[in-house]
């Protein structure tokens, strides 16, 4: 899980990104089709609003072979 910053107009919103799902405070609305952070733009494939915590969970389309987590460059022996 990592913390990311998303710019919306002049505001910066902090969220968390884990396994292709971005969770941010519900200030973006549920009609987001694309979102950019860390210099990359991602297509939003699904969104879900959690009204209890006022968060929105955005499922992002990631490039094939990417889990949304940074690699530690260590090979896995099996």
Protein backbone atom coordinates (compact mmCIF):
# COMPACT_ATOMS: atom_id res chain seq x y z
CA UNK A 1 0.00 0.00 0.00
CA UNK A 2 1.35 3.42 -0.86
CA UNK A 3 0.18 6.98 -0.45
CA UNK A 4 -0.31 8.98 -3.65
CA UNK A 5 -1.26 12.57 -4.43
CA UNK A 6 -3.93 13.42 -6.98
CA UNK A 7 -4.40 16.95 -8.28
CA UNK A 8 -7.93 18.26 -8.79
CA UNK A 9 -7.81 21.81 -10.02
CA UNK A 10 -5.70 23.73 -7.53
CA UNK A 11 -6.29 21.18 -4.76
CA UNK A 12 -4.15 18.15 -3.94
CA UNK A 13 -5.92 15.08 -2.61
CA UNK A 14 -4.11 12.26 -0.83
CA UNK A 15 -5.20 8.70 -1.30
CA UNK A 16 -3.92 5.16 -0.99
CA UNK A 17 -3.14 2.83 -3.87
CA UNK A 18 -3.08 -0.94 -3.39
CA UNK A 19 -3.42 -3.77 -5.91
CA UNK A 20 -5.03 -1.62 -8.58
CA UNK A 21 -7.53 0.08 -6.26
CA UNK A 22 -7.23 3.75 -5.38
CA UNK A 23 -9.11 4.99 -2.32
CA UNK A 24 -9.59 8.73 -1.87
CA UNK A 25 -11.97 11.05 -0.03
CA UNK A 26 -15.23 11.35 -1.94
CA UNK A 27 -14.57 14.76 -3.47
CA UNK A 28 -13.98 13.48 -7.03
CA UNK A 29 -17.52 12.22 -7.59
CA UNK A 30 -18.45 8.80 -8.95
CA UNK A 31 -18.30 9.71 -12.64
CA UNK A 32 -14.50 9.69 -12.93
CA UNK A 33 -13.31 7.98 -16.13
CA UNK A 34 -9.56 8.70 -15.85
CA UNK A 35 -7.24 9.69 -13.04
CA UNK A 36 -3.60 10.76 -13.00
CA UNK A 37 -0.97 10.41 -10.31
CA UNK A 38 2.79 9.88 -10.22
CA UNK A 39 3.01 11.11 -13.81
CA UNK A 40 0.75 8.38 -15.22
CA UNK A 41 -2.87 8.37 -16.34
CA UNK A 42 -5.08 5.37 -15.57
CA UNK A 43 -8.51 4.43 -16.88
CA UNK A 44 -11.11 3.89 -14.13
CA UNK A 45 -12.93 0.59 -14.70
CA UNK A 46 -15.17 0.67 -11.61
CA UNK A 47 -16.01 2.95 -8.72
CA UNK A 48 -17.71 2.38 -5.39
CA UNK A 49 -18.65 4.98 -2.79
CA UNK A 50 -18.44 4.02 0.89
CA UNK A 51 -20.83 6.46 2.54
CA UNK A 52 -19.83 5.36 6.05
CA UNK A 53 -16.31 6.77 5.65
CA UNK A 54 -17.11 9.13 2.73
CA UNK A 55 -14.47 7.44 0.58
CA UNK A 56 -14.56 6.43 -3.06
CA UNK A 57 -12.76 3.31 -4.26
CA UNK A 58 -11.63 3.45 -7.87
CA UNK A 59 -10.57 0.26 -9.63
CA UNK A 60 -7.92 1.18 -12.20
CA UNK A 61 -6.92 -0.53 -15.42
CA UNK A 62 -3.24 -1.39 -15.00
CA UNK A 63 -0.80 -2.44 -17.71
CA UNK A 64 -0.54 -6.23 -18.05
CA UNK A 65 1.95 -7.69 -15.60
CA UNK A 66 1.55 -4.82 -13.16
CA UNK A 67 0.00 -5.31 -9.74
CA UNK A 68 0.15 -1.69 -8.72
CA UNK A 69 2.98 -2.35 -6.31
CA UNK A 70 6.61 -1.48 -6.85
CA UNK A 71 8.92 -4.40 -7.50
CA UNK A 72 11.75 -5.04 -5.07
CA UNK A 73 13.78 -6.53 -7.97
CA UNK A 74 14.29 -9.80 -6.12
CA UNK A 75 13.69 -13.02 -8.00
CA UNK A 76 11.37 -15.58 -6.50
CA UNK A 77 12.83 -19.06 -6.36
CA UNK A 78 10.42 -21.94 -6.41
